[in-house]
Structure formats: structure tokens, C-alpha cells
């Protein structure tokens, strides 16, 4: 008989839920949760399906995740069709197997087992699920969190099922994430003929010393929980495409992944002071994607570490590295937030896969976390 976690993961992978399309995944999850006594509240915004589900009352542990996936790329490069889940040599293949339909299946089955063993559990078990995480992330978790905060909904602990592990399931747990802020900088010059530079003002030439200083700046040294803040230039654009025209404008996009040693206001002030010092004529737009957050050792981290040690027989590393996740929005509710999920080696790649046995192990870990916090 096939493992219920693998069976549910396969059902979810079959749905081509390219962000923000849910393709029926949430309907599958909702039916399973309603069958074990959950109250389910759809919280849809724009083109995005979300739901908030709960069972019980009191201290609240939520499991959060997303049903949407990234595009497959050229399907000819896949060893099997990306939306036809396939098990080969113990690996479950398919788009979303690791990020993060495998985690969703593990969560639901863990909840079913937990409720069967503890039908009168003392706390509240909840699910926060979205179909808008991989793309714009504007109508998903952030909107759900805002709605829940507006009505003073309680959330004490949240386990996000993002693929946190590197070599084996549970070896890395994310107990925080760096902040992310992007600068869209336009440096204004005067367009002209390359043979008459004295009649023009080349914004690329003017900008280079400032950009060199930006790149060379050490923004902070990090701390015991976070690596040093990183600034990376992501996109550059200038010119008309002709080799005899000095551009009139130079566009530079750069991103900061910042630690708790900095705030977005501090970054803005330092960048703008640097640009002013170089006497540039510029316009600058900032886009804040998320603030850094950290969950210190406490009930949730201890429960997660205990579950990993019990089932994987390893002690996980607590890290804050990597990109942003929806945890940045959930942390605004004042909850302890931790990410625990499968190995991330193949996420967003061709032939995305996960060890089938890892999903079974992950579900047992999730169940043990429930038992420690709200049984």
C-alpha cells in the first residue's frame, strides 16, 4: 500500500499550478482538512486563492505554505513530464515535489494523524495556504496576514514548509531570514554624438565612481545570527543600441539582502548620501520586499530541533541564509516562525525531485511538533 504522504504529494503535483494559478490543489487540501474537523475560510484576493483553516482553540500553531510552482522550462529536458509525478530509484520527480507540494502533503497527513491520536487537543492547529508565493507575492500571504491582524487573530507559532534542508532532511532549519530591498536608480545625463562628447553628458561615465564605491562598501559585519549584508547589482541598461550615440540615461538596479544590524531607512540614507556626494543627477525608487526577522530559541525552535533529532538522529543547524520567504510576512503577527522542509538541491530546476522517504520522515517530524506544542 502506497504511503499516504506520497499519494497526496502525487495528487498535488499532477495539478499544473503555475503561479498564481492554484489548479485545484487547495480544493484537495480543504476536503482533507474539513474531513477531520477543520473550519476553512477562503481568503481570496485578486487572481490568488488563499485559505485560513483552523481546528480547536487557544495557543495557535499554524502550518504555512504555497500551492503555486515556477514554470517548468523546456519540458524536453525533463526525464519525465513535470506534471506526471514519477518515482524512480526512490526519488519522487515532478514540478513542486520539493518546492513545496511535498511539504504540503506532509503537513496534511501529519494533521490527520495528530487529530486521530489527539481528537481533543488543547491548542489550535491552523493552516495558512496561498497560490501566490513564487511570482509577485502581492495577493497571497501578505494579504492574509493583514486581514488576520486587522481582526486580532491569534498566532503563536508558525512552521513554514519551505525546502530548508541542504544534504538530508532536517540538517538545516531556518529560524530567520534576511531583509530584502531593491533600488531602481536612474542617472540622468545629456544624449549626444560620441564624436562630440563636450556637447553631451555621459551618465555611465559619471556613475562609475559611485557604483565602484557602492560595490566596495562593507555595509555591516553581520552578527551571530546573520551573515554580513550583501549588495549586488542585478541589472544595467543604457544606450540606444547605436555605437555613435552617448546615452542620455543610465538605469541601474541593485539589491540588498540585509541583516538585523541595518534597517531599510539606514540603507536608503547611506546610498542617497553616497550618490549626492558624487554629485549625480538621479532619481531613485526603492522597493522593500521584506524586513529581516529572527526567531530566538524558544518553544517552537526547541520543538523543531527535538523532532529532527528524534527522527533524523541529527542536530539541525539554525541558519538565516538564502532568499526571502513568506515567513517575513507571518513574523509581523508576532509569531515565532521557523522553516523546515525537504532538501532544496533541485528546486526550480529541470527534473525537480525529492527523496520519497524524506517526505514520510518530514510528516512524522511535523506531527511531533504538533504534539509538543498543542497536544
Protein backbone atom coordinates (compact mmCIF):
# COMPACT_ATOMS: atom_id res chain seq x y z
CA UNK A 1 0.00 0.00 0.00
CA UNK A 2 1.39 3.40 -1.00
CA UNK A 3 2.33 5.87 1.74
CA UNK A 4 -0.45 8.48 2.22
CA UNK A 5 2.10 11.32 2.12
CA UNK A 6 3.45 10.21 -1.26
CA UNK A 7 -0.05 9.60 -2.59
CA UNK A 8 -1.19 13.11 -1.66
CA UNK A 9 2.03 14.67 -2.99
CA UNK A 10 1.41 12.95 -6.32
CA UNK A 11 -2.16 14.25 -6.45
CA UNK A 12 -0.89 17.81 -5.91
CA UNK A 13 1.98 17.54 -8.40
CA UNK A 14 -0.47 16.46 -11.11
CA UNK A 15 -2.06 19.92 -10.94
CA UNK A 16 -0.10 22.39 -13.15
CA UNK A 17 -0.39 25.22 -10.65
CA UNK A 18 1.85 27.80 -12.30
CA UNK A 19 1.84 30.90 -10.08
CA UNK A 20 -0.66 32.31 -9.22
CA UNK A 21 -2.91 29.55 -10.60
CA UNK A 22 -3.86 27.01 -7.93
CA UNK A 23 -5.23 24.45 -10.44
CA UNK A 24 -7.34 22.67 -7.84
CA UNK A 25 -4.63 21.95 -5.26
CA UNK A 26 -6.30 23.81 -2.43
CA UNK A 27 -9.60 22.06 -3.06
CA UNK A 28 -7.85 18.75 -2.43
CA UNK A 29 -6.30 20.02 0.80
CA UNK A 30 -9.52 21.64 2.02
CA UNK A 31 -11.52 18.43 1.61
CA UNK A 32 -8.95 16.51 3.65
CA UNK A 33 -8.90 19.14 6.41
CA UNK A 34 -12.69 19.52 6.59
CA UNK A 35 -12.96 15.75 6.96
CA UNK A 36 -11.05 15.95 10.26
CA UNK A 37 -13.00 18.87 11.69
CA UNK A 38 -11.22 21.96 10.40
CA UNK A 39 -13.14 25.16 9.75
CA UNK A 40 -11.93 26.56 6.42
CA UNK A 41 -12.14 30.22 5.45
CA UNK A 42 -11.30 31.09 1.81
CA UNK A 43 -9.41 34.41 1.70
CA UNK A 44 -9.06 35.13 -2.00
CA UNK A 45 -7.58 38.37 -3.33
CA UNK A 46 -7.41 39.29 -6.99
CA UNK A 47 -6.19 36.32 -9.03
CA UNK A 48 -4.96 34.45 -5.96
CA UNK A 49 -6.58 31.66 -3.95
CA UNK A 50 -5.75 31.54 -0.24
CA UNK A 51 -7.29 29.84 2.74
CA UNK A 52 -7.05 30.01 6.50
CA UNK A 53 -8.16 26.85 8.31
CA UNK A 54 -8.26 26.01 12.00
CA UNK A 55 -9.28 23.33 14.49
CA UNK A 56 -9.54 23.84 18.24
CA UNK A 57 -8.89 27.00 20.21
CA UNK A 58 -6.23 28.63 22.34
CA UNK A 59 -2.49 28.74 21.71
CA UNK A 60 -2.13 28.53 17.94
CA UNK A 61 0.31 26.60 15.79
CA UNK A 62 -0.05 27.27 12.06
CA UNK A 63 1.50 25.45 9.13
CA UNK A 64 2.10 27.71 6.14
CA UNK A 65 2.88 27.01 2.52
CA UNK A 66 2.09 27.64 -1.13
CA UNK A 67 0.45 25.57 -3.85
CA UNK A 68 1.90 27.53 -6.78
CA UNK A 69 5.04 26.46 -8.64
CA UNK A 70 7.53 28.07 -11.02
CA UNK A 71 7.50 27.35 -14.78
CA UNK A 72 8.98 24.04 -15.90
CA UNK A 73 11.38 25.35 -18.51
CA UNK A 74 11.87 23.28 -21.65
CA UNK A 75 9.95 20.08 -20.92
CA UNK A 76 12.11 18.20 -23.43
CA UNK A 77 14.91 18.34 -20.87
CA UNK A 78 12.85 16.54 -18.24
CA UNK A 79 13.31 12.79 -17.92
CA UNK A 80 9.55 12.50 -17.34
CA UNK A 81 6.73 15.03 -17.81
CA UNK A 82 6.92 17.60 -14.98
CA UNK A 83 3.25 17.28 -14.05
CA UNK A 84 3.20 13.49 -14.16
CA UNK A 85 4.71 12.52 -10.78
CA UNK A 86 7.13 9.65 -11.19
CA UNK A 87 9.08 7.61 -8.65
CA UNK A 88 12.48 6.37 -9.84
CA UNK A 89 15.19 4.94 -7.60
CA UNK A 90 13.41 6.16 -4.50
CA UNK A 91 13.06 9.73 -5.79
CA UNK A 92 9.74 11.47 -6.45
CA UNK A 93 10.05 13.61 -9.60
CA UNK A 94 7.79 16.45 -10.67
CA UNK A 95 7.49 20.22 -10.56
CA UNK A 96 6.78 21.16 -6.97
CA UNK A 97 8.00 17.88 -5.47
CA UNK A 98 10.45 19.78 -3.27
CA UNK A 99 9.05 23.31 -3.51
CA UNK A 100 6.66 22.73 -1.96
CA UNK A 101 3.90 20.24 -2.65
CA UNK A 102 5.80 17.52 -0.84
CA UNK A 103 5.76 19.64 2.31
CA UNK A 104 2.04 20.36 1.90
CA UNK A 105 1.28 16.66 1.69
CA UNK A 106 3.43 16.01 4.76
CA UNK A 107 1.56 18.73 6.69
CA UNK A 108 -1.92 17.46 5.85
CA UNK A 109 -1.13 13.83 6.66
CA UNK A 110 0.59 14.93 9.88
CA UNK A 111 -2.57 16.81 10.84
CA UNK A 112 -4.72 13.76 10.09
CA UNK A 113 -2.55 11.53 12.25
CA UNK A 114 -2.36 14.13 15.02
CA UNK A 115 -6.13 14.61 15.17
CA UNK A 116 -6.70 10.85 15.17
CA UNK A 117 -4.36 10.49 18.15
CA UNK A 118 -5.44 13.70 19.94
CA UNK A 119 -9.06 14.47 18.96
CA UNK A 120 -9.42 16.82 21.94
CA UNK A 121 -6.07 18.59 21.62
CA UNK A 122 -5.67 21.59 23.91
CA UNK A 123 -4.44 24.22 21.43
CA UNK A 124 -5.46 25.37 17.97
CA UNK A 125 -3.97 23.86 14.82
CA UNK A 126 -4.15 26.06 11.73
CA UNK A 127 -3.18 26.18 8.06
CA UNK A 128 -2.29 29.29 6.04
CA UNK A 129 -2.06 28.39 2.35
CA UNK A 130 -1.59 30.61 -0.74
CA UNK A 131 -1.16 30.27 -4.50
CA UNK A 132 0.93 33.46 -4.81
CA UNK A 133 4.43 32.91 -3.43
CA UNK A 134 6.63 32.15 -6.41
CA UNK A 135 5.78 35.19 -8.55
CA UNK A 136 4.51 38.59 -7.40
CA UNK A 137 3.61 37.60 -3.83
CA UNK A 138 1.22 40.54 -3.52
CA UNK A 139 -2.18 38.85 -3.16
CA UNK A 140 -1.08 35.90 -1.07
CA UNK A 141 0.25 35.55 2.45
CA UNK A 142 0.82 39.28 2.92
CA UNK A 143 -2.88 39.99 2.32
CA UNK A 144 -3.98 37.09 4.52
CA UNK A 145 -1.72 38.29 7.34
CA UNK A 146 -3.07 41.83 7.05
CA UNK A 147 -6.64 40.54 7.24
CA UNK A 148 -5.88 38.33 10.24
CA UNK A 149 -4.07 41.15 12.04
CA UNK A 150 -6.98 43.53 11.40
CA UNK A 151 -9.28 41.24 13.37
CA UNK A 152 -6.64 40.47 16.03
CA UNK A 153 -6.31 36.80 15.12
CA UNK A 154 -4.00 34.87 17.42
CA UNK A 155 -0.88 33.20 16.07
CA UNK A 156 1.79 31.96 18.44
CA UNK A 157 3.86 29.60 16.30
CA UNK A 158 4.21 29.11 12.56
CA UNK A 159 6.02 26.34 10.71
CA UNK A 160 6.72 27.23 7.07
CA UNK A 161 7.34 24.19 4.86
CA UNK A 162 9.88 25.78 2.53
CA UNK A 163 12.69 23.40 1.45
CA UNK A 164 15.25 24.37 4.09
CA UNK A 165 17.45 21.27 4.05
CA UNK A 166 20.69 21.01 2.09
CA UNK A 167 22.03 17.44 2.14
CA UNK A 168 19.50 15.48 4.18
CA UNK A 169 16.09 16.32 5.55
CA UNK A 170 16.33 18.32 8.75
CA UNK A 171 20.01 19.21 8.55
CA UNK A 172 19.15 22.93 8.26
CA UNK A 173 16.30 24.80 9.91
CA UNK A 174 15.72 28.45 9.05
CA UNK A 175 14.88 30.43 12.18
CA UNK A 176 15.04 33.77 10.41
CA UNK A 177 15.63 35.44 7.07
CA UNK A 178 17.47 38.49 5.85
CA UNK A 179 15.59 41.55 4.71
CA UNK A 180 15.44 42.46 1.02
CA UNK A 181 15.28 45.91 -0.55
CA UNK A 182 15.82 46.82 -4.21
CA UNK A 183 16.95 50.16 -5.64
CA UNK A 184 15.88 51.29 -9.11
CA UNK A 185 18.33 54.07 -9.91
CA UNK A 186 18.19 56.31 -12.97
CA UNK A 187 21.14 58.59 -13.58
CA UNK A 188 20.34 61.44 -15.94
CA UNK A 189 22.78 62.86 -18.48
CA UNK A 190 22.61 64.56 -21.86
CA UNK A 191 22.36 62.45 -25.01
CA UNK A 192 24.72 63.34 -27.84
CA UNK A 193 27.07 62.21 -30.59
CA UNK A 194 30.09 60.20 -29.47
CA UNK A 195 32.30 62.41 -31.66
CA UNK A 196 31.20 65.49 -29.71
CA UNK A 197 31.41 64.48 -26.05
CA UNK A 198 31.77 68.10 -24.95
CA UNK A 199 28.19 68.66 -26.11
CA UNK A 200 26.83 65.73 -24.09
CA UNK A 201 27.00 64.36 -20.57
CA UNK A 202 27.57 60.60 -20.35
CA UNK A 203 25.66 59.24 -17.32
CA UNK A 204 27.52 55.92 -17.46
CA UNK A 205 30.89 57.64 -17.06
CA UNK A 206 29.54 59.84 -14.30
CA UNK A 207 28.07 56.90 -12.41
CA UNK A 208 31.08 54.57 -12.41
CA UNK A 209 32.92 56.05 -9.39
CA UNK A 210 29.72 55.95 -7.32
CA UNK A 211 28.96 52.37 -8.37
CA UNK A 212 32.51 51.31 -7.56
CA UNK A 213 32.11 52.79 -4.10
CA UNK A 214 28.75 51.08 -3.62
CA UNK A 215 30.25 47.71 -4.55
CA UNK A 216 33.31 48.21 -2.32
CA UNK A 217 31.34 49.31 0.76
CA UNK A 218 31.13 46.96 3.72
CA UNK A 219 27.62 47.67 4.93
CA UNK A 220 27.93 45.77 8.20
CA UNK A 221 29.71 42.76 9.66
CA UNK A 222 26.60 40.72 10.39
CA UNK A 223 26.15 39.15 13.81
CA UNK A 224 25.92 35.74 15.43
CA UNK A 225 22.66 35.03 13.61
CA UNK A 226 23.10 36.77 10.25
CA UNK A 227 25.88 37.00 7.66
CA UNK A 228 27.08 40.43 6.61
CA UNK A 229 24.71 42.46 4.46
CA UNK A 230 25.21 41.87 0.73
CA UNK A 231 24.70 44.42 -2.07
CA UNK A 232 24.54 43.07 -5.62
CA UNK A 233 24.00 44.88 -8.91
CA UNK A 234 21.31 42.97 -10.79
CA UNK A 235 20.55 44.92 -13.97
CA UNK A 236 22.15 47.66 -16.09
CA UNK A 237 20.70 49.45 -19.08
CA UNK A 238 21.86 52.40 -21.17
CA UNK A 239 22.15 53.50 -24.78
CA UNK A 240 20.06 53.34 -27.92
CA UNK A 241 21.79 50.35 -29.47
CA UNK A 242 23.77 52.59 -31.79
CA UNK A 243 27.54 52.87 -31.49
CA UNK A 244 27.60 56.60 -32.18
CA UNK A 245 25.17 57.85 -29.54
CA UNK A 246 26.09 58.83 -25.99
CA UNK A 247 23.20 57.68 -23.77
CA UNK A 248 21.05 60.21 -22.02
CA UNK A 249 20.11 57.95 -19.12
CA UNK A 250 21.69 55.07 -17.23
CA UNK A 251 19.48 52.60 -15.33
CA UNK A 252 20.99 50.54 -12.51
CA UNK A 253 19.08 48.07 -10.35
CA UNK A 254 20.72 46.71 -7.21
CA UNK A 255 19.51 44.68 -4.26
CA UNK A 256 20.44 44.48 -0.59
CA UNK A 257 19.99 41.36 1.49
CA UNK A 258 20.39 42.88 4.92
CA UNK A 259 20.82 41.69 8.47
CA UNK A 260 19.28 42.96 11.68
CA UNK A 261 22.30 45.26 12.02
CA UNK A 262 20.66 47.58 9.47
CA UNK A 263 17.21 48.95 8.77
CA UNK A 264 15.83 49.84 5.35
CA UNK A 265 15.92 53.51 6.41
CA UNK A 266 19.63 53.28 7.20
CA UNK A 267 20.33 51.71 3.81
CA UNK A 268 18.38 54.40 1.99
CA UNK A 269 20.15 57.20 3.85
CA UNK A 270 23.62 55.82 3.19
CA UNK A 271 23.00 55.17 -0.50
CA UNK A 272 21.46 58.57 -1.14
CA UNK A 273 24.28 60.33 0.75
CA UNK A 274 26.81 58.49 -1.41
CA UNK A 275 25.05 59.45 -4.65
CA UNK A 276 24.78 63.07 -3.52
CA UNK A 277 28.46 63.15 -2.64
CA UNK A 278 29.26 62.14 -6.23
CA UNK A 279 27.05 64.99 -7.46
CA UNK A 280 24.88 62.82 -9.66
CA UNK A 281 21.63 63.94 -11.23
CA UNK A 282 19.41 60.99 -10.39
CA UNK A 283 16.01 59.64 -9.47
CA UNK A 284 15.75 56.69 -7.13
CA UNK A 285 12.88 54.32 -6.37
CA UNK A 286 13.03 51.83 -3.52
CA UNK A 287 11.08 48.56 -3.28
CA UNK A 288 11.09 46.88 0.13
CA UNK A 289 10.33 43.16 -0.20
CA UNK A 290 10.67 42.26 3.46
CA UNK A 291 12.26 43.09 6.78
CA UNK A 292 14.70 40.71 8.43
CA UNK A 293 13.26 38.53 11.17
CA UNK A 294 14.70 36.17 13.75
CA UNK A 295 13.08 33.57 15.98
CA UNK A 296 15.29 33.00 19.01
CA UNK A 297 15.49 29.74 20.92
CA UNK A 298 12.11 29.12 22.50
CA UNK A 299 9.18 26.74 22.37
CA UNK A 300 8.96 26.47 18.56
CA UNK A 301 12.67 26.19 17.81
CA UNK A 302 13.07 23.67 20.63
CA UNK A 303 10.16 21.58 19.31
CA UNK A 304 11.56 21.59 15.78
CA UNK A 305 15.05 20.65 16.93
CA UNK A 306 13.59 17.86 19.07
CA UNK A 307 11.58 16.48 16.14
CA UNK A 308 14.59 16.47 13.83
CA UNK A 309 16.81 14.85 16.44
CA UNK A 310 14.18 12.19 17.13
CA UNK A 311 13.51 11.14 13.53
CA UNK A 312 16.67 12.09 11.62
CA UNK A 313 19.08 11.49 14.51
CA UNK A 314 20.95 14.71 13.73
CA UNK A 315 21.02 18.15 15.34
CA UNK A 316 19.98 20.75 12.76
CA UNK A 317 21.87 23.93 12.05
CA UNK A 318 19.89 27.09 12.74
CA UNK A 319 20.54 29.43 9.80
CA UNK A 320 19.15 32.64 8.29
CA UNK A 321 20.78 32.34 4.86
CA UNK A 322 19.06 32.15 1.48
CA UNK A 323 16.32 34.18 -0.13
CA UNK A 324 13.14 35.61 1.31
CA UNK A 325 10.06 33.55 2.10
CA UNK A 326 6.51 34.22 3.24
CA UNK A 327 7.85 33.88 6.76
CA UNK A 328 8.72 37.58 6.54
CA UNK A 329 5.03 38.46 6.42
CA UNK A 330 3.94 35.98 9.09
CA UNK A 331 6.56 37.28 11.53
CA UNK A 332 4.71 40.62 11.53
CA UNK A 333 1.97 38.91 13.58
CA UNK A 334 4.44 38.50 16.43
CA UNK A 335 4.59 34.74 15.97
CA UNK A 336 7.63 32.55 16.36
CA UNK A 337 8.42 31.48 12.77
CA UNK A 338 10.61 28.57 11.66
CA UNK A 339 11.11 26.93 8.27
CA UNK A 340 11.57 23.17 7.96
CA UNK A 341 11.24 21.31 4.70
CA UNK A 342 12.91 18.87 2.30
CA UNK A 343 16.27 19.11 0.54
CA UNK A 344 16.44 22.10 -1.79
CA UNK A 345 19.10 20.87 -4.24
CA UNK A 346 16.74 20.65 -7.23
CA UNK A 347 14.18 23.39 -6.56
CA UNK A 348 13.24 25.46 -9.64
CA UNK A 349 15.41 23.14 -11.77
CA UNK A 350 14.65 20.67 -14.54
CA UNK A 351 13.94 17.23 -13.03
CA UNK A 352 12.99 18.64 -9.63
CA UNK A 353 12.82 15.77 -7.16
CA UNK A 354 12.79 14.77 -3.53
CA UNK A 355 13.56 11.53 -1.69
CA UNK A 356 10.19 9.86 -1.19
CA UNK A 357 11.33 8.58 2.20
CA UNK A 358 12.17 12.15 3.23
CA UNK A 359 8.55 13.22 2.84
CA UNK A 360 7.42 10.40 5.10
CA UNK A 361 10.07 11.44 7.63
CA UNK A 362 9.08 15.09 7.33
CA UNK A 363 5.44 14.29 8.05
CA UNK A 364 6.44 12.48 11.24
CA UNK A 365 8.53 15.50 12.26
CA UNK A 366 5.58 17.83 11.68
CA UNK A 367 3.34 15.57 13.76
CA UNK A 368 5.82 15.52 16.64
CA UNK A 369 5.99 19.33 16.56
CA UNK A 370 2.19 19.44 16.86
CA UNK A 371 2.30 17.01 19.77
CA UNK A 372 4.88 19.08 21.66
CA UNK A 373 3.09 22.41 21.27
CA UNK A 374 -0.68 21.88 21.22
CA UNK A 375 -1.49 18.29 22.25
